[in-house]
Amino acid sequence: MNELSVKNYLSEQLNFSPNDIQKLEIFKNELLSFNLKYNLISKKSEKDVWHRHILDSAQLINFIDFKSDLSLSDLGTGGGFPGIILAIFNKNSKFHVKLYEKSKIKCKFLSSIKQKISIEFSLYENDYQSHKIESSYIVCRAFKKLPKILEISREKASKPHKLIILKGKDTQEKIKSAFKGHNHKYRLINSITDKESKIIIAETVK
């Protein structure tokens, strides 16, 4: 999708407001400006930020109940994907978005964005291993391999919680193998941005 198509999709299918779209535009411009000096996203994807990064992150909204008094943790958020996109969409002051990022440079960017577009989230400026992850949702995009994410879910996260993981071209057999021996039930959803990518929705079970 081109930029206009993505904006229309965000508005019509995912209920982003005009103000949300304006904030996304500012975020995108700041991201590209910062990326001139620092590596927030690949140079190759700079021309496709709306589709490759923003829409790819925004599609996760379909699997999160923002009306609940819960919280969400984005592990290894990097340049803010998907966490910043989800924080822009969130209108519930009782729904708490938490971003985990150990890179000081990326944290500097995320802090500047928080002030620039006036959005609410908590930023944890060190490795997730330094914290007990207390959230009802854990989201991951370009973070770590699936077995490691499941290990974090088992050992570092409060229970119960839902895992929402954007995965690339892993085969279903690899995904099935990764879940073997873990206390999760899961399903696979096709990504709307890449026909070869999947969204893994996994929940801890007793």
C-alpha atoms as a PDB file:
ATOM      1  CA  MET A   1       0.000   0.000   0.000  1.00  0.00           C
ATOM      2  CA  ASN A   2       1.109   3.553  -0.626  1.00  0.00           C
ATOM      3  CA  GLU A   3       0.954   6.249   2.050  1.00  0.00           C
ATOM      4  CA  LEU A   4      -2.576   7.418   1.213  1.00  0.00           C
ATOM      5  CA  SER A   5      -3.917   3.864   1.154  1.00  0.00           C
ATOM      6  CA  VAL A   6      -2.377   3.137   4.545  1.00  0.00           C
ATOM      7  CA  LYS A   7      -3.835   6.311   6.065  1.00  0.00           C
ATOM      8  CA  ASN A   8      -7.268   5.417   4.690  1.00  0.00           C
ATOM      9  CA  TYR A   9      -6.977   1.899   6.088  1.00  0.00           C
ATOM     10  CA  LEU A  10      -5.941   3.201   9.499  1.00  0.00           C
ATOM     11  CA  SER A  11      -8.914   5.571   9.552  1.00  0.00           C
ATOM     12  CA  GLU A  12     -11.589   3.334   8.062  1.00  0.00           C
ATOM     13  CA  GLN A  13     -10.612  -0.131   9.292  1.00  0.00           C
ATOM     14  CA  LEU A  14      -8.736   0.504  12.544  1.00  0.00           C
ATOM     15  CA  ASN A  15     -10.506   3.680  13.729  1.00  0.00           C
ATOM     16  CA  PHE A  16      -7.503   5.983  13.994  1.00  0.00           C
ATOM     17  CA  SER A  17      -8.732   9.562  14.395  1.00  0.00           C
ATOM     18  CA  PRO A  18      -7.526  12.498  12.254  1.00  0.00           C
ATOM     19  CA  ASN A  19      -5.484  13.628  15.270  1.00  0.00           C
ATOM     20  CA  ASP A  20      -3.915  10.169  15.502  1.00  0.00           C
ATOM     21  CA  ILE A  21      -2.948  10.319  11.829  1.00  0.00           C
ATOM     22  CA  GLN A  22      -1.388  13.738  12.392  1.00  0.00           C
ATOM     23  CA  LYS A  23       0.655  12.360  15.291  1.00  0.00           C
ATOM     24  CA  LEU A  24       1.764   9.424  13.144  1.00  0.00           C
ATOM     25  CA  GLU A  25       2.900  11.880  10.465  1.00  0.00           C
ATOM     26  CA  ILE A  26       4.992  13.821  12.980  1.00  0.00           C
ATOM     27  CA  PHE A  27       6.399  10.575  14.364  1.00  0.00           C
ATOM     28  CA  LYS A  28       7.334   9.380  10.873  1.00  0.00           C
ATOM     29  CA  ASN A  29       9.100  12.648  10.048  1.00  0.00           C
ATOM     30  CA  GLU A  30      11.023  12.614  13.333  1.00  0.00           C
ATOM     31  CA  LEU A  31      11.958   8.981  12.763  1.00  0.00           C
ATOM     32  CA  LEU A  32      13.397   9.690   9.323  1.00  0.00           C
ATOM     33  CA  SER A  33      15.249  12.754  10.584  1.00  0.00           C
ATOM     34  CA  PHE A  34      16.803  10.798  13.460  1.00  0.00           C
ATOM     35  CA  ASN A  35      17.587   7.934  11.103  1.00  0.00           C
ATOM     36  CA  LEU A  36      19.928  10.162   9.092  1.00  0.00           C
ATOM     37  CA  LYS A  37      22.446   9.774  11.897  1.00  0.00           C
ATOM     38  CA  TYR A  38      21.310   6.755  13.899  1.00  0.00           C
ATOM     39  CA  ASN A  39      20.032   3.350  12.845  1.00  0.00           C
ATOM     40  CA  LEU A  40      16.413   3.192  14.012  1.00  0.00           C
ATOM     41  CA  ILE A  41      15.154   1.432  10.888  1.00  0.00           C
ATOM     42  CA  SER A  42      16.938   0.060   7.844  1.00  0.00           C
ATOM     43  CA  LYS A  43      17.747   2.537   5.087  1.00  0.00           C
ATOM     44  CA  LYS A  44      15.997   0.188   2.682  1.00  0.00           C
ATOM     45  CA  SER A  45      12.659   0.619   4.461  1.00  0.00           C
ATOM     46  CA  GLU A  46      12.756   4.421   4.765  1.00  0.00           C
ATOM     47  CA  LYS A  47      10.602   4.896   1.662  1.00  0.00           C
ATOM     48  CA  ASP A  48       7.966   2.505   2.979  1.00  0.00           C
ATOM     49  CA  VAL A  49       7.551   3.571   6.607  1.00  0.00           C
ATOM     50  CA  TRP A  50       3.767   3.821   6.465  1.00  0.00           C
ATOM     51  CA  HIS A  51       3.259   0.278   5.200  1.00  0.00           C
ATOM     52  CA  ARG A  52       6.333  -1.582   6.424  1.00  0.00           C
ATOM     53  CA  HIS A  53       6.444  -0.189   9.946  1.00  0.00           C
ATOM     54  CA  ILE A  54       3.334   1.809  10.893  1.00  0.00           C
ATOM     55  CA  LEU A  55       0.621  -0.420   9.416  1.00  0.00           C
ATOM     56  CA  ASP A  56       2.553  -3.550  10.361  1.00  0.00           C
ATOM     57  CA  SER A  57       2.434  -2.363  13.980  1.00  0.00           C
ATOM     58  CA  ALA A  58      -1.103  -0.965  13.885  1.00  0.00           C
ATOM     59  CA  GLN A  59      -2.669  -4.273  12.818  1.00  0.00           C
ATOM     60  CA  LEU A  60      -2.041  -5.580  16.350  1.00  0.00           C
ATOM     61  CA  ILE A  61      -4.821  -3.304  17.613  1.00  0.00           C
ATOM     62  CA  ASN A  62      -7.301  -5.993  16.548  1.00  0.00           C
ATOM     63  CA  PHE A  63      -6.006  -8.298  19.296  1.00  0.00           C
ATOM     64  CA  ILE A  64      -5.865  -5.856  22.226  1.00  0.00           C
ATOM     65  CA  ASP A  65      -8.707  -4.656  24.446  1.00  0.00           C
ATOM     66  CA  PHE A  66      -7.824  -1.009  24.982  1.00  0.00           C
ATOM     67  CA  LYS A  67     -11.041  -0.406  26.920  1.00  0.00           C
ATOM     68  CA  SER A  68      -9.857  -2.607  29.764  1.00  0.00           C
ATOM     69  CA  ASP A  69      -7.853  -1.420  32.760  1.00  0.00           C
ATOM     70  CA  LEU A  70      -4.853  -3.513  31.772  1.00  0.00           C
ATOM     71  CA  SER A  71      -1.319  -2.925  30.517  1.00  0.00           C
ATOM     72  CA  LEU A  72       0.901  -3.766  27.580  1.00  0.00           C
ATOM     73  CA  SER A  73       4.667  -4.277  27.404  1.00  0.00           C
ATOM     74  CA  ASP A  74       6.605  -3.891  24.152  1.00  0.00           C
ATOM     75  CA  LEU A  75       9.909  -5.725  24.524  1.00  0.00           C
ATOM     76  CA  GLY A  76      12.791  -4.318  22.498  1.00  0.00           C
ATOM     77  CA  THR A  77      10.677  -1.560  20.975  1.00  0.00           C
ATOM     78  CA  GLY A  78      13.621  -0.087  19.032  1.00  0.00           C
ATOM     79  CA  GLY A  79      12.356   2.963  17.168  1.00  0.00           C
ATOM     80  CA  GLY A  80       8.902   2.533  18.696  1.00  0.00           C
ATOM     81  CA  PHE A  81       7.397  -0.349  16.760  1.00  0.00           C
ATOM     82  CA  PRO A  82       4.836  -1.407  17.659  1.00  0.00           C
ATOM     83  CA  GLY A  83       4.710   0.405  21.020  1.00  0.00           C
ATOM     84  CA  ILE A  84       4.523   4.032  19.864  1.00  0.00           C
ATOM     85  CA  ILE A  85       1.819   3.206  17.313  1.00  0.00           C
ATOM     86  CA  LEU A  86      -0.253   1.448  19.975  1.00  0.00           C
ATOM     87  CA  ALA A  87       0.299   4.316  22.434  1.00  0.00           C
ATOM     88  CA  ILE A  88      -0.941   6.831  19.851  1.00  0.00           C
ATOM     89  CA  PHE A  89      -4.099   4.770  19.343  1.00  0.00           C
ATOM     90  CA  ASN A  90      -4.769   4.247  23.059  1.00  0.00           C
ATOM     91  CA  LYS A  91      -7.303   6.695  24.542  1.00  0.00           C
ATOM     92  CA  ASN A  92      -7.847   4.945  27.867  1.00  0.00           C
ATOM     93  CA  SER A  93      -5.863   6.589  30.660  1.00  0.00           C
ATOM     94  CA  LYS A  94      -6.189   3.381  32.692  1.00  0.00           C
ATOM     95  CA  PHE A  95      -4.593   1.236  29.966  1.00  0.00           C
ATOM     96  CA  HIS A  96      -0.846   1.438  30.498  1.00  0.00           C
ATOM     97  CA  VAL A  97       1.684   1.094  27.639  1.00  0.00           C
ATOM     98  CA  LYS A  98       5.259   0.177  28.645  1.00  0.00           C
ATOM     99  CA  LEU A  99       8.235   0.280  26.284  1.00  0.00           C
ATOM    100  CA  TYR A 100      11.436  -1.645  27.013  1.00  0.00           C
ATOM    101  CA  GLU A 101      14.607  -0.615  25.171  1.00  0.00           C
ATOM    102  CA  LYS A 102      18.245  -0.971  26.239  1.00  0.00           C
ATOM    103  CA  SER A 103      19.792   1.300  23.561  1.00  0.00           C
ATOM    104  CA  LYS A 104      20.414   4.754  25.037  1.00  0.00           C
ATOM    105  CA  ILE A 105      20.224   6.361  21.595  1.00  0.00           C
ATOM    106  CA  LYS A 106      16.843   4.793  20.860  1.00  0.00           C
ATOM    107  CA  CYS A 107      15.590   5.755  24.310  1.00  0.00           C
ATOM    108  CA  LYS A 108      16.618   9.343  23.601  1.00  0.00           C
ATOM    109  CA  PHE A 109      14.515   9.270  20.441  1.00  0.00           C
ATOM    110  CA  LEU A 110      11.526   7.693  22.209  1.00  0.00           C
ATOM    111  CA  SER A 111      11.657  10.288  24.993  1.00  0.00           C
ATOM    112  CA  SER A 112      11.723  13.106  22.449  1.00  0.00           C
ATOM    113  CA  ILE A 113       8.705  11.631  20.660  1.00  0.00           C
ATOM    114  CA  LYS A 114       6.766  11.402  23.911  1.00  0.00           C
ATOM    115  CA  GLN A 115       7.180  15.154  24.389  1.00  0.00           C
ATOM    116  CA  LYS A 116       6.766  16.089  20.737  1.00  0.00           C
ATOM    117  CA  ILE A 117       3.369  14.460  20.190  1.00  0.00           C
ATOM    118  CA  SER A 118       2.104  14.290  23.797  1.00  0.00           C
ATOM    119  CA  ILE A 119       1.439  10.590  24.190  1.00  0.00           C
ATOM    120  CA  GLU A 120       1.471   8.493  27.338  1.00  0.00           C
ATOM    121  CA  PHE A 121       3.770   5.539  27.927  1.00  0.00           C
ATOM    122  CA  SER A 122       6.402   4.394  30.407  1.00  0.00           C
ATOM    123  CA  LEU A 123       9.933   3.898  29.099  1.00  0.00           C
ATOM    124  CA  TYR A 124      12.231   1.368  30.746  1.00  0.00           C
ATOM    125  CA  GLU A 125      15.732   2.368  29.717  1.00  0.00           C
ATOM    126  CA  ASN A 126      17.503  -0.911  30.284  1.00  0.00           C
ATOM    127  CA  ASP A 127      17.227  -4.570  29.454  1.00  0.00           C
ATOM    128  CA  TYR A 128      13.943  -6.348  30.146  1.00  0.00           C
ATOM    129  CA  GLN A 129      15.935  -8.764  32.338  1.00  0.00           C
ATOM    130  CA  SER A 130      16.221  -6.025  34.964  1.00  0.00           C
ATOM    131  CA  HIS A 131      12.464  -6.073  35.546  1.00  0.00           C
ATOM    132  CA  LYS A 132       9.579  -8.343  36.330  1.00  0.00           C
ATOM    133  CA  ILE A 133       7.300  -7.876  33.326  1.00  0.00           C
ATOM    134  CA  GLU A 134       3.884  -7.170  34.803  1.00  0.00           C
ATOM    135  CA  SER A 135       1.485  -6.785  31.895  1.00  0.00           C
ATOM    136  CA  SER A 136      -1.607  -8.434  30.497  1.00  0.00           C
ATOM    137  CA  TYR A 137      -0.199  -8.162  26.970  1.00  0.00           C
ATOM    138  CA  ILE A 138       3.374  -8.662  25.789  1.00  0.00           C
ATOM    139  CA  VAL A 139       4.102  -7.603  22.212  1.00  0.00           C
ATOM    140  CA  CYS A 140       7.263  -8.281  20.220  1.00  0.00           C
ATOM    141  CA  ARG A 141       8.362  -7.181  16.764  1.00  0.00           C
ATOM    142  CA  ALA A 142      11.863  -7.926  15.452  1.00  0.00           C
ATOM    143  CA  PHE A 143      12.893  -8.727  19.022  1.00  0.00           C
ATOM    144  CA  LYS A 144      14.331 -12.206  19.601  1.00  0.00           C
ATOM    145  CA  LYS A 145      13.817 -15.707  18.286  1.00  0.00           C
ATOM    146  CA  LEU A 146      10.582 -17.370  19.324  1.00  0.00           C
ATOM    147  CA  PRO A 147      12.074 -19.896  21.805  1.00  0.00           C
ATOM    148  CA  LYS A 148      13.712 -17.019  23.726  1.00  0.00           C
ATOM    149  CA  ILE A 149      10.476 -15.017  23.771  1.00  0.00           C
ATOM    150  CA  LEU A 150       8.637 -18.016  25.203  1.00  0.00           C
ATOM    151  CA  GLU A 151      11.348 -18.418  27.824  1.00  0.00           C
ATOM    152  CA  ILE A 152      10.892 -14.768  28.831  1.00  0.00           C
ATOM    153  CA  SER A 153       7.138 -15.318  28.975  1.00  0.00           C
ATOM    154  CA  ARG A 154       7.600 -18.295  31.274  1.00  0.00           C
ATOM    155  CA  GLU A 155      10.304 -16.909  33.571  1.00  0.00           C
ATOM    156  CA  LYS A 156       9.982 -13.108  33.633  1.00  0.00           C
ATOM    157  CA  ALA A 157       6.318 -12.284  33.039  1.00  0.00           C
ATOM    158  CA  SER A 158       3.366 -12.205  35.391  1.00  0.00           C
ATOM    159  CA  LYS A 159       0.560 -14.683  34.762  1.00  0.00           C
ATOM    160  CA  PRO A 160      -1.772 -14.813  33.004  1.00  0.00           C
ATOM    161  CA  HIS A 161      -0.841 -12.803  29.920  1.00  0.00           C
ATOM    162  CA  LYS A 162      -1.263 -12.801  26.167  1.00  0.00           C
ATOM    163  CA  LEU A 163       1.713 -12.822  23.802  1.00  0.00           C
ATOM    164  CA  ILE A 164       1.354 -11.028  20.462  1.00  0.00           C
ATOM    165  CA  ILE A 165       4.356 -11.688  18.256  1.00  0.00           C
ATOM    166  CA  LEU A 166       5.016 -10.469  14.723  1.00  0.00           C
ATOM    167  CA  LYS A 167       7.049 -13.138  12.970  1.00  0.00           C
ATOM    168  CA  GLY A 168       8.617 -13.253   9.537  1.00  0.00           C
ATOM    169  CA  LYS A 169       9.044 -16.318   7.384  1.00  0.00           C
ATOM    170  CA  ASP A 170       9.248 -19.049  10.029  1.00  0.00           C
ATOM    171  CA  THR A 171       7.456 -22.188   8.901  1.00  0.00           C
ATOM    172  CA  GLN A 172       4.509 -23.485  10.890  1.00  0.00           C
ATOM    173  CA  GLU A 173       6.599 -26.519  11.826  1.00  0.00           C
ATOM    174  CA  LYS A 174       9.270 -24.273  13.372  1.00  0.00           C
ATOM    175  CA  ILE A 175       6.617 -22.397  15.298  1.00  0.00           C
ATOM    176  CA  LYS A 176       5.006 -25.634  16.473  1.00  0.00           C
ATOM    177  CA  SER A 177       8.400 -26.946  17.571  1.00  0.00           C
ATOM    178  CA  ALA A 178       9.156 -23.754  19.518  1.00  0.00           C
ATOM    179  CA  PHE A 179       5.942 -24.083  21.530  1.00  0.00           C
ATOM    180  CA  LYS A 180       6.554 -27.723  22.402  1.00  0.00           C
ATOM    181  CA  GLY A 181       6.965 -28.073  26.149  1.00  0.00           C
ATOM    182  CA  HIS A 182       5.685 -24.556  26.890  1.00  0.00           C
ATOM    183  CA  ASN A 183       2.509 -23.799  28.783  1.00  0.00           C
ATOM    184  CA  HIS A 184       0.838 -21.812  26.000  1.00  0.00           C
ATOM    185  CA  LYS A 185      -2.005 -22.268  23.579  1.00  0.00           C
ATOM    186  CA  TYR A 186      -1.544 -20.346  20.338  1.00  0.00           C
ATOM    187  CA  ARG A 187      -3.014 -19.482  16.968  1.00  0.00           C
ATOM    188  CA  LEU A 188      -1.575 -17.979  13.804  1.00  0.00           C
ATOM    189  CA  ILE A 189      -3.019 -14.977  11.977  1.00  0.00           C
ATOM    190  CA  ASN A 190      -1.937 -13.839   8.519  1.00  0.00           C
ATOM    191  CA  SER A 191      -0.226 -10.447   8.495  1.00  0.00           C
ATOM    192  CA  ILE A 192      -1.916  -7.816   6.345  1.00  0.00           C
ATOM    193  CA  THR A 193       1.436  -6.323   5.316  1.00  0.00           C
ATOM    194  CA  ASP A 194       3.306  -9.436   4.168  1.00  0.00           C
ATOM    195  CA  LYS A 195       1.708 -12.636   2.889  1.00  0.00           C
ATOM    196  CA  GLU A 196       4.617 -14.699   4.213  1.00  0.00           C
ATOM    197  CA  SER A 197       4.487 -13.250   7.735  1.00  0.00           C
ATOM    198  CA  LYS A 198       2.352 -14.335  10.662  1.00  0.00           C
ATOM    199  CA  ILE A 199       1.034 -12.876  13.876  1.00  0.00           C
ATOM    200  CA  ILE A 200       1.302 -15.346  16.728  1.00  0.00           C
ATOM    201  CA  ILE A 201      -1.342 -14.957  19.424  1.00  0.00           C
ATOM    202  CA  ALA A 202      -0.402 -17.055  22.440  1.00  0.00           C
ATOM    203  CA  GLU A 203      -1.909 -17.260  25.900  1.00  0.00           C
ATOM    204  CA  THR A 204      -0.555 -18.814  29.036  1.00  0.00           C
ATOM    205  CA  VAL A 205      -2.689 -21.627  30.379  1.00  0.00           C
ATOM    206  CA  LYS A 206      -2.875 -23.118  33.844  1.00  0.00           C
END
